[in-house]
Amino acid sequence: MLEAPTNELEEQIYEEVKKVEDPEIGISIAELGLIYRIKVEGTKAKIDMTYTSMACPAGPQMKQSVVDHALRVDGITDAEVEVVWTPKWDPREMASEEAKMDMGIFD
């Protein structure tokens, strides 16, 4: 994640979102580094994420899963996910060490 949660509610949302896996890779999208930002405004979660590629066939499914998981957090009644392309996702830079090992990326 590029921007760390700044409060407990954002952290709870992040913990829920970590449960969402990329169905093609089988790794948490948070561990892959696809979640860029989580902000809470009142009772609304605003989440910026990206996909592993612009043509990701599982993109809409992952986006909806992020919304669904964010709404599981007490105090959140609405969730909005924006798919962003900047910065470009780079697993060597953004994925966790465990995710890199799972993908066979050894620096």
C-alpha atoms as a PDB file:
ATOM      1  CA  MET A   1       0.000   0.000   0.000  1.00  0.00           C
ATOM      2  CA  LEU A   2       1.464   3.326  -0.979  1.00  0.00           C
ATOM      3  CA  GLU A   3      -0.352   5.524   1.539  1.00  0.00           C
ATOM      4  CA  ALA A   4      -0.692   4.114   5.054  1.00  0.00           C
ATOM      5  CA  PRO A   5      -4.023   4.338   6.890  1.00  0.00           C
ATOM      6  CA  THR A   6      -4.141   7.395   9.157  1.00  0.00           C
ATOM      7  CA  ASN A   7      -6.780   6.259  11.655  1.00  0.00           C
ATOM      8  CA  GLU A   8      -8.363   3.159  13.157  1.00  0.00           C
ATOM      9  CA  LEU A   9     -11.303   3.056  10.729  1.00  0.00           C
ATOM     10  CA  GLU A  10      -8.998   3.187   7.713  1.00  0.00           C
ATOM     11  CA  GLU A  11      -6.892   0.420   9.276  1.00  0.00           C
ATOM     12  CA  GLN A  12     -10.015  -1.731   9.778  1.00  0.00           C
ATOM     13  CA  ILE A  13     -10.975  -1.229   6.134  1.00  0.00           C
ATOM     14  CA  TYR A  14      -7.461  -2.167   5.066  1.00  0.00           C
ATOM     15  CA  GLU A  15      -7.640  -5.353   7.147  1.00  0.00           C
ATOM     16  CA  GLU A  16     -10.914  -6.283   5.417  1.00  0.00           C
ATOM     17  CA  VAL A  17      -9.593  -5.434   1.952  1.00  0.00           C
ATOM     18  CA  LYS A  18      -6.547  -7.641   2.593  1.00  0.00           C
ATOM     19  CA  LYS A  19      -8.949 -10.597   2.394  1.00  0.00           C
ATOM     20  CA  VAL A  20      -9.653  -9.892  -1.298  1.00  0.00           C
ATOM     21  CA  GLU A  21      -7.504 -12.038  -3.580  1.00  0.00           C
ATOM     22  CA  ASP A  22      -6.640 -11.541  -7.208  1.00  0.00           C
ATOM     23  CA  PRO A  23      -8.502 -14.572  -8.617  1.00  0.00           C
ATOM     24  CA  GLU A  24      -5.924 -15.135 -11.355  1.00  0.00           C
ATOM     25  CA  ILE A  25      -2.904 -15.034  -9.042  1.00  0.00           C
ATOM     26  CA  GLY A  26      -4.443 -16.222  -5.764  1.00  0.00           C
ATOM     27  CA  ILE A  27      -2.666 -13.569  -3.697  1.00  0.00           C
ATOM     28  CA  SER A  28      -4.204 -10.772  -1.627  1.00  0.00           C
ATOM     29  CA  ILE A  29      -4.547  -7.585  -3.657  1.00  0.00           C
ATOM     30  CA  ALA A  30      -3.163  -5.672  -0.687  1.00  0.00           C
ATOM     31  CA  GLU A  31      -0.086  -7.923  -0.569  1.00  0.00           C
ATOM     32  CA  LEU A  32       0.302  -7.377  -4.309  1.00  0.00           C
ATOM     33  CA  GLY A  33       0.361  -3.634  -3.662  1.00  0.00           C
ATOM     34  CA  LEU A  34      -2.775  -2.912  -5.693  1.00  0.00           C
ATOM     35  CA  ILE A  35      -4.385  -0.811  -2.956  1.00  0.00           C
ATOM     36  CA  TYR A  36      -2.943   2.695  -3.153  1.00  0.00           C
ATOM     37  CA  ARG A  37      -5.069   4.707  -0.732  1.00  0.00           C
ATOM     38  CA  ILE A  38      -7.929   4.379   1.772  1.00  0.00           C
ATOM     39  CA  LYS A  39      -9.596   7.479   3.143  1.00  0.00           C
ATOM     40  CA  VAL A  40     -12.759   7.824   5.194  1.00  0.00           C
ATOM     41  CA  GLU A  41     -15.046  10.837   4.874  1.00  0.00           C
ATOM     42  CA  GLY A  42     -17.840  10.582   7.427  1.00  0.00           C
ATOM     43  CA  THR A  43     -19.244   7.086   6.870  1.00  0.00           C
ATOM     44  CA  LYS A  44     -17.907   6.709   3.314  1.00  0.00           C
ATOM     45  CA  ALA A  45     -14.753   4.815   2.393  1.00  0.00           C
ATOM     46  CA  LYS A  46     -12.874   6.134  -0.618  1.00  0.00           C
ATOM     47  CA  ILE A  47     -10.369   3.664  -1.986  1.00  0.00           C
ATOM     48  CA  ASP A  48      -7.869   4.064  -4.815  1.00  0.00           C
ATOM     49  CA  MET A  49      -6.640   0.845  -6.360  1.00  0.00           C
ATOM     50  CA  THR A  50      -5.146  -0.425  -9.573  1.00  0.00           C
ATOM     51  CA  TYR A  51      -5.075  -3.691 -11.478  1.00  0.00           C
ATOM     52  CA  THR A  52      -2.130  -5.829 -12.491  1.00  0.00           C
ATOM     53  CA  SER A  53      -2.808  -4.725 -16.090  1.00  0.00           C
ATOM     54  CA  MET A  54      -5.218  -2.442 -17.918  1.00  0.00           C
ATOM     55  CA  ALA A  55      -6.786  -5.490 -19.551  1.00  0.00           C
ATOM     56  CA  CYS A  56      -7.247  -7.393 -16.278  1.00  0.00           C
ATOM     57  CA  PRO A  57     -10.305  -9.610 -16.866  1.00  0.00           C
ATOM     58  CA  ALA A  58     -10.919  -9.929 -13.121  1.00  0.00           C
ATOM     59  CA  GLY A  59     -10.755  -6.175 -12.521  1.00  0.00           C
ATOM     60  CA  PRO A  60     -14.487  -5.491 -12.130  1.00  0.00           C
ATOM     61  CA  GLN A  61     -14.841  -8.518  -9.830  1.00  0.00           C
ATOM     62  CA  MET A  62     -11.960  -7.332  -7.625  1.00  0.00           C
ATOM     63  CA  LYS A  63     -13.322  -3.781  -7.530  1.00  0.00           C
ATOM     64  CA  GLN A  64     -16.727  -5.023  -6.356  1.00  0.00           C
ATOM     65  CA  SER A  65     -15.086  -7.284  -3.765  1.00  0.00           C
ATOM     66  CA  VAL A  66     -13.202  -4.286  -2.352  1.00  0.00           C
ATOM     67  CA  VAL A  67     -16.490  -2.371  -2.015  1.00  0.00           C
ATOM     68  CA  ASP A  68     -18.173  -5.378  -0.375  1.00  0.00           C
ATOM     69  CA  HIS A  69     -15.335  -5.873   2.109  1.00  0.00           C
ATOM     70  CA  ALA A  70     -15.131  -2.170   2.994  1.00  0.00           C
ATOM     71  CA  LEU A  71     -18.857  -2.195   3.780  1.00  0.00           C
ATOM     72  CA  ARG A  72     -18.282  -4.953   6.363  1.00  0.00           C
ATOM     73  CA  VAL A  73     -16.572  -2.441   8.648  1.00  0.00           C
ATOM     74  CA  ASP A  74     -18.782  -0.993  11.392  1.00  0.00           C
ATOM     75  CA  GLY A  75     -19.373   2.687  10.743  1.00  0.00           C
ATOM     76  CA  ILE A  76     -18.998   2.451   6.963  1.00  0.00           C
ATOM     77  CA  THR A  77     -22.278   2.801   5.056  1.00  0.00           C
ATOM     78  CA  ASP A  78     -20.912   3.628   1.592  1.00  0.00           C
ATOM     79  CA  ALA A  79     -17.774   2.744  -0.330  1.00  0.00           C
ATOM     80  CA  GLU A  80     -16.369   4.113  -3.542  1.00  0.00           C
ATOM     81  CA  VAL A  81     -13.468   2.536  -5.402  1.00  0.00           C
ATOM     82  CA  GLU A  82     -11.575   4.443  -8.041  1.00  0.00           C
ATOM     83  CA  VAL A  83      -9.292   2.516 -10.360  1.00  0.00           C
ATOM     84  CA  VAL A  84      -6.164   4.564 -11.008  1.00  0.00           C
ATOM     85  CA  TRP A  85      -3.225   3.934 -13.319  1.00  0.00           C
ATOM     86  CA  THR A  86      -0.687   6.259 -11.734  1.00  0.00           C
ATOM     87  CA  PRO A  87       1.691   5.183 -10.459  1.00  0.00           C
ATOM     88  CA  LYS A  88       1.927   2.174 -12.721  1.00  0.00           C
ATOM     89  CA  TRP A  89       1.850  -1.058 -10.709  1.00  0.00           C
ATOM     90  CA  ASP A  90       5.259  -2.696 -10.420  1.00  0.00           C
ATOM     91  CA  PRO A  91       5.355  -5.892  -8.331  1.00  0.00           C
ATOM     92  CA  ARG A  92       9.099  -5.522  -7.744  1.00  0.00           C
ATOM     93  CA  GLU A  93       8.441  -2.200  -6.000  1.00  0.00           C
ATOM     94  CA  MET A  94       4.923  -2.541  -4.589  1.00  0.00           C
ATOM     95  CA  ALA A  95       4.323  -6.159  -3.634  1.00  0.00           C
ATOM     96  CA  SER A  96       5.188  -7.480  -0.194  1.00  0.00           C
ATOM     97  CA  GLU A  97       8.203  -9.746   0.170  1.00  0.00           C
ATOM     98  CA  GLU A  98       5.909 -12.744   0.655  1.00  0.00           C
ATOM     99  CA  ALA A  99       3.912 -11.915  -2.486  1.00  0.00           C
ATOM    100  CA  LYS A 100       7.142 -11.531  -4.464  1.00  0.00           C
ATOM    101  CA  MET A 101       8.267 -14.970  -3.331  1.00  0.00           C
ATOM    102  CA  ASP A 102       4.863 -16.453  -4.253  1.00  0.00           C
ATOM    103  CA  MET A 103       5.193 -14.917  -7.729  1.00  0.00           C
ATOM    104  CA  GLY A 104       8.789 -16.091  -8.146  1.00  0.00           C
ATOM    105  CA  ILE A 105      10.307 -12.613  -8.014  1.00  0.00           C
ATOM    106  CA  PHE A 106      13.698 -12.826  -6.373  1.00  0.00           C
ATOM    107  CA  ASP A 107      15.717  -9.616  -6.320  1.00  0.00           C
END
